[in-house]
């Protein structure tokens, strides 16, 4: 069985990360997969790493998961990449926050009462084709995102198949470009980390969210790419 190397670039995005990760169980990734998670927001990266392990590893069997904020580590031997670089990821790449040593066992924040069920389970099964960023979008934000993408593009283009979900990168030379999933409302977005923590703690069942991604565009794209590799 062939090996699959998949990179998720910008996985810390609260819009993109959970839906992409919840799509992956439908591909049944096993030990022949390596999943590389990249983000420059280390707290978000840690959260998505925990979610990925919850969704994909059972009884210590599952894909190898590598989480990193280093571009070279994220792109090493990658065959497939899903790009969801947002303003936060780009800003932190060029303006890195100080690294903080955290001791284990600290209490997690209380969950908020805002329900994400409607947003998580009502995503369209098809993404519309991305249009370039709207007039009036902050030029500095788009410039940061494009400059960060250039660091990835020179490593990935020509060697990896790329699915791009970033609106600011609608015109890049990717294999497929989609506007998916639907952005959450402000109050929903602020509740996403707390919902992920509830899943990780076992306070809420994550299975309905996984089921809602069974026919997501990410699943369909990955199936087409993975079959020739395995």
Protein backbone atom coordinates (compact mmCIF):
# COMPACT_ATOMS: atom_id res chain seq x y z
CA UNK A 1 0.00 0.00 0.00
CA UNK A 2 1.39 3.39 -0.98
CA UNK A 3 2.12 6.19 1.45
CA UNK A 4 0.05 9.40 1.57
CA UNK A 5 1.63 12.69 2.70
CA UNK A 6 -1.00 15.38 3.30
CA UNK A 7 -0.34 18.91 4.56
CA UNK A 8 -3.02 21.17 6.03
CA UNK A 9 -1.66 24.71 5.72
CA UNK A 10 -3.41 27.16 8.05
CA UNK A 11 -5.21 24.41 9.95
CA UNK A 12 -5.65 26.69 12.99
CA UNK A 13 -8.36 28.63 11.16
CA UNK A 14 -11.62 28.38 13.10
CA UNK A 15 -13.51 28.54 9.82
CA UNK A 16 -11.57 25.86 7.97
CA UNK A 17 -9.71 23.63 10.44
CA UNK A 18 -12.57 21.72 12.13
CA UNK A 19 -14.45 20.98 8.89
CA UNK A 20 -11.30 19.81 7.09
CA UNK A 21 -10.30 17.55 9.97
CA UNK A 22 -13.82 16.13 10.33
CA UNK A 23 -13.76 15.24 6.62
CA UNK A 24 -10.68 13.04 6.99
CA UNK A 25 -12.24 10.08 8.86
CA UNK A 26 -14.27 9.35 5.71
CA UNK A 27 -10.99 8.55 3.94
CA UNK A 28 -10.02 5.99 6.65
CA UNK A 29 -6.43 7.26 6.95
CA UNK A 30 -4.23 4.59 8.47
CA UNK A 31 -0.56 4.12 9.36
CA UNK A 32 0.37 4.62 5.69
CA UNK A 33 -0.67 8.30 6.02
CA UNK A 34 1.33 11.23 7.36
CA UNK A 35 -0.71 14.29 8.21
CA UNK A 36 1.24 17.55 8.55
CA UNK A 37 -0.58 20.34 10.38
CA UNK A 38 0.80 23.87 9.95
CA UNK A 39 -0.14 27.08 11.68
CA UNK A 40 1.69 30.01 13.21
CA UNK A 41 -0.82 30.40 16.06
CA UNK A 42 0.60 27.81 18.45
CA UNK A 43 -2.47 27.63 20.69
CA UNK A 44 -4.74 27.05 17.70
CA UNK A 45 -2.27 24.52 16.31
CA UNK A 46 -2.30 22.62 19.61
CA UNK A 47 -6.11 22.64 19.65
CA UNK A 48 -6.36 21.28 16.11
CA UNK A 49 -3.68 18.68 16.84
CA UNK A 50 -5.79 17.40 19.74
CA UNK A 51 -8.90 17.38 17.56
CA UNK A 52 -7.08 15.49 14.79
CA UNK A 53 -5.94 12.83 17.24
CA UNK A 54 -9.45 12.49 18.64
CA UNK A 55 -10.94 12.08 15.15
CA UNK A 56 -8.28 9.92 13.50
CA UNK A 57 -6.48 7.76 16.05
CA UNK A 58 -8.19 4.84 17.81
CA UNK A 59 -6.37 2.33 20.01
CA UNK A 60 -3.09 3.99 18.97
CA UNK A 61 -3.76 3.10 15.32
CA UNK A 62 -4.07 5.85 12.75
CA UNK A 63 -2.02 8.26 10.66
CA UNK A 64 1.23 9.81 11.78
CA UNK A 65 0.42 13.39 12.80
CA UNK A 66 3.10 16.09 12.69
CA UNK A 67 2.16 19.56 13.96
CA UNK A 68 4.55 22.40 13.22
CA UNK A 69 4.96 26.13 12.68
CA UNK A 70 7.99 25.55 10.44
CA UNK A 71 7.39 25.70 6.68
CA UNK A 72 10.08 23.14 5.82
CA UNK A 73 8.60 20.60 8.25
CA UNK A 74 5.11 21.21 6.89
CA UNK A 75 6.11 20.63 3.27
CA UNK A 76 8.56 17.74 3.62
CA UNK A 77 7.75 15.03 1.03
CA UNK A 78 4.18 16.33 0.74
CA UNK A 79 2.08 14.94 -2.11
CA UNK A 80 -1.21 16.68 -1.28
CA UNK A 81 -1.90 20.01 0.40
CA UNK A 82 -5.03 21.85 1.50
CA UNK A 83 -4.38 25.57 1.87
CA UNK A 84 -6.52 27.73 4.17
CA UNK A 85 -4.19 30.59 5.04
CA UNK A 86 -6.05 33.43 6.74
CA UNK A 87 -5.12 36.81 8.13
CA UNK A 88 -4.29 35.50 11.60
CA UNK A 89 -1.86 32.86 10.31
CA UNK A 90 -0.14 35.35 8.00
CA UNK A 91 0.08 38.06 10.64
CA UNK A 92 1.63 35.73 13.20
CA UNK A 93 4.14 34.43 10.68
CA UNK A 94 5.53 37.93 10.13
CA UNK A 95 4.90 39.05 13.75
CA UNK A 96 5.52 35.92 15.86
CA UNK A 97 4.29 35.90 19.44
CA UNK A 98 6.77 34.99 22.17
CA UNK A 99 6.84 31.29 22.92
CA UNK A 100 5.47 30.48 26.37
CA UNK A 101 6.32 27.35 28.33
CA UNK A 102 3.08 25.90 29.67
CA UNK A 103 2.88 23.33 32.45
CA UNK A 104 0.50 20.42 31.97
CA UNK A 105 -2.61 19.99 34.04
CA UNK A 106 -3.88 23.56 33.81
CA UNK A 107 -7.65 23.88 33.88
CA UNK A 108 -9.42 24.51 30.58
CA UNK A 109 -11.80 27.46 30.14
CA UNK A 110 -15.51 26.97 30.73
CA UNK A 111 -17.57 26.15 27.67
CA UNK A 112 -19.84 28.86 26.34
CA UNK A 113 -23.55 28.18 25.88
CA UNK A 114 -23.55 29.26 22.22
CA UNK A 115 -24.60 26.32 20.06
CA UNK A 116 -22.70 25.62 16.83
CA UNK A 117 -24.88 22.69 15.79
CA UNK A 118 -26.69 24.61 13.05
CA UNK A 119 -23.49 25.92 11.49
CA UNK A 120 -21.49 22.70 11.85
CA UNK A 121 -24.21 20.48 10.41
CA UNK A 122 -25.60 22.72 7.68
CA UNK A 123 -22.53 23.12 5.49
CA UNK A 124 -23.21 22.84 1.75
CA UNK A 125 -21.89 19.70 0.10
CA UNK A 126 -20.44 21.76 -2.73
CA UNK A 127 -18.22 24.81 -2.54
CA UNK A 128 -18.67 27.59 -5.06
CA UNK A 129 -15.67 28.65 -7.11
CA UNK A 130 -13.65 31.29 -5.32
CA UNK A 131 -13.69 34.85 -6.57
CA UNK A 132 -10.75 37.18 -5.95
CA UNK A 133 -10.85 39.18 -2.71
CA UNK A 134 -13.50 41.92 -2.75
CA UNK A 135 -12.63 45.55 -3.38
CA UNK A 136 -12.09 47.31 -0.09
CA UNK A 137 -10.53 44.30 1.68
CA UNK A 138 -7.46 45.40 3.67
CA UNK A 139 -4.50 45.51 1.30
CA UNK A 140 -2.04 44.77 4.10
CA UNK A 141 -3.90 41.60 5.12
CA UNK A 142 -3.98 40.29 1.56
CA UNK A 143 -0.30 41.18 1.03
CA UNK A 144 0.70 39.22 4.15
CA UNK A 145 -1.31 36.19 3.04
CA UNK A 146 0.12 36.26 -0.47
CA UNK A 147 3.67 36.67 0.78
CA UNK A 148 3.29 33.72 3.14
CA UNK A 149 1.77 31.64 0.33
CA UNK A 150 4.82 32.43 -1.82
CA UNK A 151 6.93 30.60 0.77
CA UNK A 152 4.73 27.53 0.40
CA UNK A 153 4.11 27.84 -3.31
CA UNK A 154 7.76 27.54 -4.27
CA UNK A 155 7.95 24.32 -2.24
CA UNK A 156 4.62 22.76 -3.24
CA UNK A 157 3.72 23.81 -6.77
CA UNK A 158 4.98 21.29 -9.27
CA UNK A 159 5.48 18.58 -6.64
CA UNK A 160 2.14 18.40 -4.80
CA UNK A 161 -1.54 18.56 -5.68
CA UNK A 162 -3.06 21.64 -4.01
CA UNK A 163 -6.64 22.40 -2.93
CA UNK A 164 -6.97 26.09 -2.10
CA UNK A 165 -9.74 27.37 0.20
CA UNK A 166 -8.29 30.84 0.90
CA UNK A 167 -10.37 33.66 -0.65
CA UNK A 168 -7.33 35.96 -0.83
CA UNK A 169 -5.53 33.37 -2.96
CA UNK A 170 -8.33 32.73 -5.45
CA UNK A 171 -6.05 33.24 -8.45
CA UNK A 172 -3.09 31.07 -7.42
CA UNK A 173 -1.98 28.14 -9.54
CA UNK A 174 -3.74 25.44 -7.49
CA UNK A 175 -5.29 22.24 -8.82
CA UNK A 176 -8.66 23.14 -7.34
CA UNK A 177 -10.03 26.29 -5.71
CA UNK A 178 -13.20 26.40 -3.58
CA UNK A 179 -15.02 28.80 -1.28
CA UNK A 180 -15.93 26.37 1.50
CA UNK A 181 -17.08 26.09 4.27
CA UNK A 182 -19.48 28.97 4.88
CA UNK A 183 -17.90 31.47 7.32
CA UNK A 184 -19.34 31.29 10.85
CA UNK A 185 -21.05 34.28 12.40
CA UNK A 186 -18.96 36.28 14.89
CA UNK A 187 -20.69 34.74 17.91
CA UNK A 188 -20.31 31.25 16.41
CA UNK A 189 -16.62 31.74 15.64
CA UNK A 190 -15.82 32.74 19.22
CA UNK A 191 -17.50 29.55 20.44
CA UNK A 192 -15.62 27.15 18.14
CA UNK A 193 -12.61 26.55 20.47
CA UNK A 194 -14.96 25.80 23.37
CA UNK A 195 -16.93 23.32 21.26
CA UNK A 196 -13.70 21.57 20.28
CA UNK A 197 -12.74 21.35 23.95
CA UNK A 198 -16.12 19.79 24.76
CA UNK A 199 -15.47 17.14 22.10
CA UNK A 200 -11.97 16.49 23.41
CA UNK A 201 -13.26 16.18 27.00
CA UNK A 202 -16.02 13.82 25.92
CA UNK A 203 -18.73 16.22 27.07
CA UNK A 204 -20.33 16.32 23.59
CA UNK A 205 -20.41 13.64 20.90
CA UNK A 206 -18.28 14.49 17.88
CA UNK A 207 -19.85 11.80 15.65
CA UNK A 208 -22.70 14.02 14.34
CA UNK A 209 -20.15 16.56 13.15
CA UNK A 210 -18.10 13.84 11.42
CA UNK A 211 -21.25 12.47 9.78
CA UNK A 212 -22.15 15.93 8.46
CA UNK A 213 -18.86 16.01 6.51
CA UNK A 214 -19.39 12.66 4.71
CA UNK A 215 -19.88 14.32 1.32
CA UNK A 216 -17.89 17.49 1.81
CA UNK A 217 -15.88 18.90 -1.11
CA UNK A 218 -12.71 18.05 0.81
CA UNK A 219 -13.71 14.37 0.97
CA UNK A 220 -14.50 14.30 -2.75
CA UNK A 221 -11.24 16.04 -3.72
CA UNK A 222 -9.11 13.82 -1.50
CA UNK A 223 -10.73 10.64 -2.78
CA UNK A 224 -9.77 11.58 -6.34
CA UNK A 225 -6.19 12.31 -5.30
CA UNK A 226 -5.61 9.48 -2.83
CA UNK A 227 -6.88 6.55 -4.94
CA UNK A 228 -3.91 6.65 -7.39
CA UNK A 229 -1.48 6.84 -4.46
CA UNK A 230 -2.79 3.83 -2.58
